């Protein structure tokens, strides 16, 4: 895992929708099915400069950076401290001799659950 003496590692739960955008023979959307998983990461507050890169509609939500060796996908759902977060941009740092990914976690609105 990412070596850090300052920030503790957390084990978070996540889920990924497997049949998003799939339709049955009757033409109606299929009931969502999810793949659930756990992963270890470091969660850090977003910096002042980074908040300017967050889309305007998300700036009022709680936003964190998450560093992990587990490859998360955009729109995966992560649960942290009983709150749900959407995974937003995924930065692949494995191409730079580092063994991790940086993702942004954006708290979900009540209507999105």
N, C-alpha and C. Protein backbone atom coordinates (compact mmCIF):
# COMPACT_ATOMS: atom_id res chain seq x y z
N UNK A 1 0.85 -1.19 0.00
CA UNK A 1 0.00 0.00 0.00
C UNK A 1 0.88 1.23 0.00
N UNK A 2 0.30 2.35 -0.22
CA UNK A 2 1.01 3.62 -0.27
C UNK A 2 1.58 3.90 1.12
N UNK A 3 2.87 4.14 1.18
CA UNK A 3 3.52 4.37 2.47
C UNK A 3 3.33 5.81 2.91
N UNK A 4 2.71 5.98 4.05
CA UNK A 4 2.50 7.32 4.58
C UNK A 4 2.57 7.27 6.10
N UNK A 5 3.38 8.09 6.67
CA UNK A 5 3.47 8.14 8.13
C UNK A 5 2.47 9.15 8.69
N UNK A 6 1.93 10.01 7.85
CA UNK A 6 1.06 11.07 8.33
C UNK A 6 -0.42 10.70 8.29
N UNK A 7 -0.83 10.00 7.26
CA UNK A 7 -2.25 9.72 7.07
C UNK A 7 -2.53 8.23 7.24
N UNK A 8 -3.51 7.89 8.05
CA UNK A 8 -3.83 6.47 8.24
C UNK A 8 -4.53 5.89 7.02
N UNK A 9 -4.35 4.60 6.84
CA UNK A 9 -5.05 3.90 5.77
C UNK A 9 -6.45 3.56 6.25
N UNK A 10 -7.37 3.56 5.34
CA UNK A 10 -8.75 3.20 5.64
C UNK A 10 -9.17 2.07 4.72
N UNK A 11 -10.03 1.21 5.20
CA UNK A 11 -10.65 0.19 4.36
C UNK A 11 -12.07 0.66 4.08
N UNK A 12 -12.36 0.87 2.81
CA UNK A 12 -13.66 1.36 2.39
C UNK A 12 -14.38 0.30 1.57
N UNK A 13 -15.70 0.41 1.54
CA UNK A 13 -16.51 -0.48 0.73
C UNK A 13 -16.93 0.27 -0.53
N UNK A 14 -17.06 -0.47 -1.62
CA UNK A 14 -17.49 0.14 -2.86
C UNK A 14 -18.41 -0.80 -3.61
N UNK A 15 -19.09 -0.24 -4.60
CA UNK A 15 -19.92 -1.06 -5.47
C UNK A 15 -19.91 -0.47 -6.87
N UNK A 16 -20.00 -1.38 -7.83
CA UNK A 16 -19.95 -1.02 -9.25
C UNK A 16 -21.16 -1.64 -9.93
N UNK A 17 -21.91 -0.84 -10.67
CA UNK A 17 -23.07 -1.38 -11.38
C UNK A 17 -22.60 -2.15 -12.60
N UNK A 18 -23.04 -3.41 -12.69
CA UNK A 18 -22.57 -4.28 -13.76
C UNK A 18 -23.38 -4.16 -15.05
N UNK A 19 -24.67 -3.86 -14.93
CA UNK A 19 -25.51 -3.87 -16.12
C UNK A 19 -26.06 -2.49 -16.46
N UNK A 20 -25.27 -1.48 -16.23
CA UNK A 20 -25.72 -0.11 -16.52
C UNK A 20 -25.95 0.05 -18.03
N UNK A 21 -27.11 0.59 -18.36
CA UNK A 21 -27.44 0.82 -19.77
C UNK A 21 -27.90 -0.42 -20.51
N UNK A 22 -28.19 -1.52 -19.79
CA UNK A 22 -28.63 -2.77 -20.44
C UNK A 22 -30.15 -2.86 -20.37
N UNK A 23 -30.72 -3.44 -21.41
CA UNK A 23 -32.17 -3.57 -21.51
C UNK A 23 -32.55 -5.03 -21.71
N UNK A 24 -33.70 -5.40 -21.16
CA UNK A 24 -34.21 -6.76 -21.32
C UNK A 24 -34.86 -6.94 -22.68
N UNK A 25 -35.32 -8.17 -22.94
CA UNK A 25 -35.97 -8.48 -24.22
C UNK A 25 -37.25 -7.67 -24.41
N UNK A 26 -37.86 -7.23 -23.30
CA UNK A 26 -39.09 -6.45 -23.39
C UNK A 26 -38.83 -4.97 -23.66
N UNK A 27 -37.56 -4.58 -23.73
CA UNK A 27 -37.21 -3.20 -24.03
C UNK A 27 -37.08 -2.29 -22.81
N UNK A 28 -37.36 -2.84 -21.61
CA UNK A 28 -37.27 -2.04 -20.39
C UNK A 28 -35.88 -2.21 -19.77
N UNK A 29 -35.41 -1.19 -19.06
CA UNK A 29 -34.10 -1.31 -18.40
C UNK A 29 -34.10 -2.46 -17.39
N UNK A 30 -32.98 -3.16 -17.31
CA UNK A 30 -32.83 -4.25 -16.34
C UNK A 30 -32.65 -3.68 -14.94
N UNK A 31 -33.10 -4.42 -13.94
CA UNK A 31 -32.85 -4.04 -12.55
C UNK A 31 -31.34 -3.99 -12.34
N UNK A 32 -30.85 -2.97 -11.65
CA UNK A 32 -29.39 -2.88 -11.48
C UNK A 32 -28.84 -4.03 -10.63
N UNK A 33 -27.71 -4.55 -11.06
CA UNK A 33 -26.97 -5.52 -10.26
C UNK A 33 -25.59 -4.91 -9.99
N UNK A 34 -25.07 -5.19 -8.80
CA UNK A 34 -23.83 -4.54 -8.38
C UNK A 34 -22.79 -5.57 -7.98
N UNK A 35 -21.55 -5.23 -8.23
CA UNK A 35 -20.39 -5.98 -7.74
C UNK A 35 -19.88 -5.19 -6.54
N UNK A 36 -19.85 -5.81 -5.36
CA UNK A 36 -19.38 -5.12 -4.15
C UNK A 36 -17.95 -5.52 -3.86
N UNK A 37 -17.17 -4.57 -3.33
CA UNK A 37 -15.76 -4.82 -3.07
C UNK A 37 -15.29 -3.96 -1.91
N UNK A 38 -14.13 -4.31 -1.37
CA UNK A 38 -13.44 -3.52 -0.35
C UNK A 38 -12.07 -3.16 -0.88
N UNK A 39 -11.57 -2.01 -0.45
CA UNK A 39 -10.23 -1.61 -0.86
C UNK A 39 -9.62 -0.75 0.23
N UNK A 40 -8.30 -0.66 0.22
CA UNK A 40 -7.54 0.12 1.20
C UNK A 40 -7.06 1.39 0.51
N UNK A 41 -7.16 2.52 1.23
CA UNK A 41 -6.77 3.79 0.62
C UNK A 41 -6.38 4.80 1.69
N UNK A 42 -5.81 5.90 1.24
CA UNK A 42 -5.59 7.09 2.06
C UNK A 42 -6.58 8.13 1.57
N UNK A 43 -7.36 8.68 2.47
CA UNK A 43 -8.32 9.73 2.11
C UNK A 43 -7.77 11.05 2.65
N UNK A 44 -7.72 12.06 1.78
CA UNK A 44 -7.16 13.35 2.14
C UNK A 44 -8.13 14.46 1.75
N UNK A 45 -8.13 15.55 2.50
CA UNK A 45 -8.97 16.68 2.10
C UNK A 45 -8.47 17.27 0.79
N UNK A 46 -9.36 17.85 0.05
CA UNK A 46 -9.01 18.47 -1.22
C UNK A 46 -8.38 19.84 -0.93
N UNK A 47 -7.41 20.23 -1.75
CA UNK A 47 -6.73 21.51 -1.52
C UNK A 47 -7.55 22.67 -2.08
N UNK A 48 -7.18 23.86 -1.68
CA UNK A 48 -7.87 25.06 -2.15
C UNK A 48 -7.77 25.24 -3.66
N UNK A 49 -6.62 24.93 -4.23
CA UNK A 49 -6.46 25.05 -5.68
C UNK A 49 -7.26 23.98 -6.41
N UNK A 50 -7.32 22.77 -5.83
CA UNK A 50 -8.05 21.68 -6.48
C UNK A 50 -9.55 21.93 -6.50
N UNK A 51 -10.07 22.63 -5.50
CA UNK A 51 -11.52 22.88 -5.48
C UNK A 51 -11.93 23.70 -6.71
N UNK A 52 -11.01 24.48 -7.26
CA UNK A 52 -11.32 25.25 -8.47
C UNK A 52 -11.47 24.36 -9.69
N UNK A 53 -10.90 23.15 -9.64
CA UNK A 53 -11.01 22.21 -10.75
C UNK A 53 -12.27 21.35 -10.66
N UNK A 54 -12.93 21.39 -9.51
CA UNK A 54 -14.16 20.62 -9.32
C UNK A 54 -15.28 21.31 -10.09
N UNK A 55 -16.11 20.55 -10.83
CA UNK A 55 -17.22 21.19 -11.54
C UNK A 55 -18.08 22.02 -10.59
N UNK A 56 -18.59 23.11 -11.07
CA UNK A 56 -19.29 24.08 -10.24
C UNK A 56 -20.40 23.46 -9.40
N UNK A 57 -21.16 22.54 -9.97
CA UNK A 57 -22.27 21.93 -9.24
C UNK A 57 -21.83 21.05 -8.08
N UNK A 58 -20.56 20.63 -8.07
CA UNK A 58 -20.05 19.76 -7.00
C UNK A 58 -19.31 20.53 -5.91
N UNK A 59 -19.04 21.81 -6.11
CA UNK A 59 -18.22 22.57 -5.17
C UNK A 59 -18.87 22.73 -3.80
N UNK A 60 -20.19 22.64 -3.74
CA UNK A 60 -20.87 22.78 -2.45
C UNK A 60 -20.98 21.44 -1.72
N UNK A 61 -20.56 20.38 -2.35
CA UNK A 61 -20.61 19.05 -1.73
C UNK A 61 -19.29 18.77 -1.01
N UNK A 62 -19.31 17.75 -0.17
CA UNK A 62 -18.08 17.32 0.50
C UNK A 62 -17.24 16.55 -0.52
N UNK A 63 -15.97 16.94 -0.67
CA UNK A 63 -15.08 16.35 -1.67
C UNK A 63 -13.77 15.95 -1.01
N UNK A 64 -13.28 14.74 -1.34
CA UNK A 64 -12.00 14.24 -0.82
C UNK A 64 -11.18 13.69 -1.98
N UNK A 65 -9.85 13.67 -1.79
CA UNK A 65 -8.96 12.91 -2.66
C UNK A 65 -8.74 11.56 -2.02
N UNK A 66 -8.63 10.55 -2.85
CA UNK A 66 -8.41 9.19 -2.36
C UNK A 66 -7.27 8.59 -3.17
N UNK A 67 -6.26 8.06 -2.47
CA UNK A 67 -5.10 7.43 -3.10
C UNK A 67 -5.16 5.95 -2.79
N UNK A 68 -5.14 5.11 -3.83
CA UNK A 68 -5.29 3.67 -3.64
C UNK A 68 -4.58 2.88 -4.73
N UNK A 69 -4.23 1.64 -4.41
CA UNK A 69 -3.67 0.74 -5.41
C UNK A 69 -4.77 0.02 -6.17
N UNK A 70 -5.99 0.07 -5.65
CA UNK A 70 -7.14 -0.59 -6.27
C UNK A 70 -7.68 0.30 -7.39
N UNK A 71 -7.89 -0.28 -8.56
CA UNK A 71 -8.37 0.53 -9.69
C UNK A 71 -9.88 0.73 -9.59
N UNK A 72 -10.27 1.95 -9.27
CA UNK A 72 -11.68 2.32 -9.22
C UNK A 72 -12.09 2.88 -10.57
N UNK A 73 -13.37 2.77 -10.88
CA UNK A 73 -13.88 3.32 -12.12
C UNK A 73 -14.73 4.55 -11.86
N UNK A 74 -14.81 5.43 -12.85
CA UNK A 74 -15.70 6.57 -12.73
C UNK A 74 -17.11 6.07 -12.50
N UNK A 75 -17.83 6.73 -11.62
CA UNK A 75 -19.20 6.40 -11.24
C UNK A 75 -19.32 5.19 -10.32
N UNK A 76 -18.20 4.62 -9.84
CA UNK A 76 -18.31 3.65 -8.75
C UNK A 76 -18.84 4.39 -7.53
N UNK A 77 -19.49 3.69 -6.64
CA UNK A 77 -20.00 4.28 -5.41
C UNK A 77 -19.17 3.75 -4.24
N UNK A 78 -18.67 4.65 -3.40
CA UNK A 78 -17.83 4.31 -2.25
C UNK A 78 -18.54 4.74 -0.98
N UNK A 79 -18.53 3.87 0.03
CA UNK A 79 -19.11 4.22 1.32
C UNK A 79 -18.00 4.50 2.31
N UNK A 80 -18.06 5.69 2.93
CA UNK A 80 -17.10 6.10 3.95
C UNK A 80 -17.87 6.72 5.11
N UNK A 81 -17.70 6.16 6.29
CA UNK A 81 -18.38 6.65 7.49
C UNK A 81 -19.89 6.79 7.26
N UNK A 82 -20.49 5.76 6.69
CA UNK A 82 -21.93 5.65 6.42
C UNK A 82 -22.45 6.66 5.40
N UNK A 83 -21.58 7.34 4.70
CA UNK A 83 -21.98 8.28 3.65
C UNK A 83 -21.53 7.72 2.30
N UNK A 84 -22.33 7.97 1.27
CA UNK A 84 -21.99 7.50 -0.07
C UNK A 84 -21.34 8.60 -0.89
N UNK A 85 -20.30 8.21 -1.62
CA UNK A 85 -19.55 9.13 -2.47
C UNK A 85 -19.45 8.52 -3.87
N UNK A 86 -19.51 9.38 -4.88
CA UNK A 86 -19.27 8.95 -6.25
C UNK A 86 -17.80 9.14 -6.57
N UNK A 87 -17.26 8.21 -7.33
CA UNK A 87 -15.88 8.34 -7.80
C UNK A 87 -15.91 9.21 -9.05
N UNK A 88 -15.14 10.26 -9.04
CA UNK A 88 -15.05 11.16 -10.18
C UNK A 88 -13.69 10.94 -10.84
N UNK A 89 -13.10 11.89 -11.46
CA UNK A 89 -11.94 11.59 -12.30
C UNK A 89 -10.93 10.65 -11.63
N UNK A 90 -10.48 9.71 -12.41
CA UNK A 90 -9.47 8.74 -11.96
C UNK A 90 -8.16 9.10 -12.64
N UNK A 91 -7.12 9.31 -11.84
CA UNK A 91 -5.79 9.58 -12.39
C UNK A 91 -4.94 8.33 -12.19
N UNK A 92 -4.42 7.79 -13.27
CA UNK A 92 -3.60 6.59 -13.23
C UNK A 92 -2.13 7.00 -13.07
N UNK A 93 -1.61 6.78 -11.86
CA UNK A 93 -0.22 7.13 -11.58
C UNK A 93 0.71 5.93 -11.76
N UNK A 94 0.17 4.79 -12.18
CA UNK A 94 1.01 3.59 -12.35
C UNK A 94 1.96 3.75 -13.54
N UNK A 95 1.64 4.63 -14.47
CA UNK A 95 2.52 4.85 -15.63
C UNK A 95 3.77 5.63 -15.25
N UNK A 96 3.79 6.19 -14.05
CA UNK A 96 4.92 7.02 -13.61
C UNK A 96 5.71 6.33 -12.50
N UNK A 97 5.82 5.02 -12.58
CA UNK A 97 6.57 4.22 -11.61
C UNK A 97 5.99 4.29 -10.20
N UNK A 98 4.73 4.69 -10.09
CA UNK A 98 4.04 4.70 -8.80
C UNK A 98 2.92 3.66 -8.90
N UNK A 99 2.65 3.00 -7.81
CA UNK A 99 1.70 1.89 -7.88
C UNK A 99 0.33 2.28 -7.32
N UNK A 100 -0.19 3.43 -7.74
CA UNK A 100 -1.49 3.81 -7.21
C UNK A 100 -2.26 4.71 -8.17
N UNK A 101 -3.51 4.92 -7.78
CA UNK A 101 -4.43 5.79 -8.52
C UNK A 101 -4.89 6.90 -7.58
N UNK A 102 -5.18 8.05 -8.15
CA UNK A 102 -5.76 9.15 -7.39
C UNK A 102 -7.16 9.37 -7.93
N UNK A 103 -8.14 9.34 -7.04
CA UNK A 103 -9.52 9.59 -7.45
C UNK A 103 -10.11 10.66 -6.55
N UNK A 104 -11.15 11.29 -7.03
CA UNK A 104 -11.88 12.28 -6.25
C UNK A 104 -13.19 11.66 -5.81
N UNK A 105 -13.48 11.75 -4.52
CA UNK A 105 -14.74 11.27 -3.98
C UNK A 105 -15.65 12.46 -3.73
N UNK A 106 -16.85 12.43 -4.32
CA UNK A 106 -17.82 13.52 -4.21
C UNK A 106 -19.07 12.96 -3.53
N UNK A 107 -19.46 13.58 -2.42
CA UNK A 107 -20.60 13.09 -1.67
C UNK A 107 -21.86 13.14 -2.54
N UNK A 108 -22.64 12.07 -2.46
CA UNK A 108 -23.87 11.98 -3.25
C UNK A 108 -25.00 12.76 -2.59
N UNK A 109 -25.84 13.36 -3.42
CA UNK A 109 -27.05 14.01 -2.92
C UNK A 109 -28.05 12.94 -2.51
N UNK A 110 -28.96 13.30 -1.64
CA UNK A 110 -29.99 12.37 -1.18
C UNK A 110 -30.81 11.87 -2.38
N UNK A 111 -31.08 12.73 -3.35
CA UNK A 111 -31.88 12.34 -4.52
C UNK A 111 -31.19 11.30 -5.37
N UNK A 112 -29.87 11.20 -5.32
CA UNK A 112 -29.12 10.27 -6.17
C UNK A 112 -29.10 8.87 -5.60
N UNK A 113 -29.47 8.67 -4.36
CA UNK A 113 -29.36 7.35 -3.72
C UNK A 113 -30.45 6.41 -4.16
